[in-house]
C-alpha cells in the first residue's frame, strides 16, 4: 500500500460494489484519474482479489479497518 485516499463508508449497504463505486467516483472527481488498486478489509472480500469495472484490482488487507476503503494512487 502506497500513497492514496482512505474512504469511510458508514452506510448499512451490504453491496461491496456499491461502496467501491462511491469511493472510486469521489477519487476520480477529486484527482481526475482512476486508482491503481483498492484495498478492503478481508471480512468484506475474503482472501481473493477481484476486479472492479475490470480496471481496478480489489485486494484484501487486514491493515484496512471495516467500513473503510483504501484507494491507491497510480504509479508514475
Protein backbone atom coordinates (compact mmCIF):
# COMPACT_ATOMS: atom_id res chain seq x y z
CA UNK A 1 0.00 0.00 0.00
CA UNK A 2 1.45 3.28 -1.12
CA UNK A 3 0.05 6.81 -1.21
CA UNK A 4 -3.70 7.01 -1.55
CA UNK A 5 -7.06 8.07 -0.21
CA UNK A 6 -8.82 6.48 2.75
CA UNK A 7 -12.59 6.40 2.19
CA UNK A 8 -15.04 5.87 5.06
CA UNK A 9 -18.48 4.47 4.26
CA UNK A 10 -20.79 4.06 7.23
CA UNK A 11 -23.87 3.19 5.17
CA UNK A 12 -25.52 -0.10 6.05
CA UNK A 13 -25.32 -1.21 2.42
CA UNK A 14 -24.13 -4.79 2.06
CA UNK A 15 -23.17 -4.43 -1.60
CA UNK A 16 -19.39 -4.03 -1.77
CA UNK A 17 -19.57 -2.91 -5.41
CA UNK A 18 -21.82 -0.01 -4.45
CA UNK A 19 -19.44 1.10 -1.70
CA UNK A 20 -16.44 0.86 -4.01
CA UNK A 21 -18.28 2.72 -6.78
CA UNK A 22 -18.93 5.65 -4.41
CA UNK A 23 -15.29 5.75 -3.36
CA UNK A 24 -13.98 5.49 -6.93
CA UNK A 25 -16.36 8.20 -8.17
CA UNK A 26 -15.12 10.56 -5.46
CA UNK A 27 -11.48 9.68 -6.18
CA UNK A 28 -11.90 10.33 -9.92
CA UNK A 29 -13.74 13.63 -9.36
CA UNK A 30 -11.04 14.83 -6.95
CA UNK A 31 -7.87 13.60 -8.68
CA UNK A 32 -9.00 13.14 -12.31
CA UNK A 33 -7.55 9.61 -12.58
CA UNK A 34 -8.52 6.07 -11.67
CA UNK A 35 -6.94 4.49 -8.60
CA UNK A 36 -4.31 1.82 -9.21
CA UNK A 37 -5.77 -0.56 -6.64
CA UNK A 38 -8.37 -0.69 -3.91
CA UNK A 39 -7.88 -2.39 -0.54
CA UNK A 40 -10.67 -3.50 1.75
CA UNK A 41 -10.85 -5.47 4.98
CA UNK A 42 -10.78 -9.25 4.34
CA UNK A 43 -14.14 -9.57 6.13
CA UNK A 44 -15.74 -7.78 3.18
CA UNK A 45 -13.86 -9.61 0.47
CA UNK A 46 -12.42 -12.85 1.74
CA UNK A 47 -8.88 -13.73 0.73
CA UNK A 48 -9.34 -13.40 -3.03
CA UNK A 49 -8.60 -10.48 -5.28
CA UNK A 50 -11.26 -9.33 -7.70
CA UNK A 51 -11.60 -6.51 -10.19
CA UNK A 52 -13.96 -3.54 -10.10
CA UNK A 53 -15.14 -2.48 -13.53
CA UNK A 54 -12.37 -4.71 -15.00
CA UNK A 55 -9.82 -1.93 -14.35
CA UNK A 56 -9.23 -1.60 -10.62
CA UNK A 57 -7.82 -4.50 -8.63
CA UNK A 58 -9.62 -5.06 -5.31
CA UNK A 59 -7.39 -6.66 -2.70
CA UNK A 60 -7.91 -7.80 0.90
CA UNK A 61 -5.79 -6.15 3.57
CA UNK A 62 -6.06 -6.55 7.32
CA UNK A 63 -4.49 -3.07 7.61
CA UNK A 64 -7.78 -1.55 6.42
CA UNK A 65 -10.42 -1.47 9.14
CA UNK A 66 -14.05 -2.37 8.36
CA UNK A 67 -16.18 0.31 6.66
CA UNK A 68 -13.06 1.84 5.10
CA UNK A 69 -11.66 1.57 1.58
CA UNK A 70 -8.08 2.43 0.66
CA UNK A 71 -7.70 3.74 -2.90
CA UNK A 72 -4.12 3.78 -4.12
CA UNK A 73 -2.78 6.45 -6.47
CA UNK A 74 -1.44 5.19 -9.81
CA UNK A 75 2.30 4.68 -10.01
CA UNK A 76 4.09 7.25 -12.13
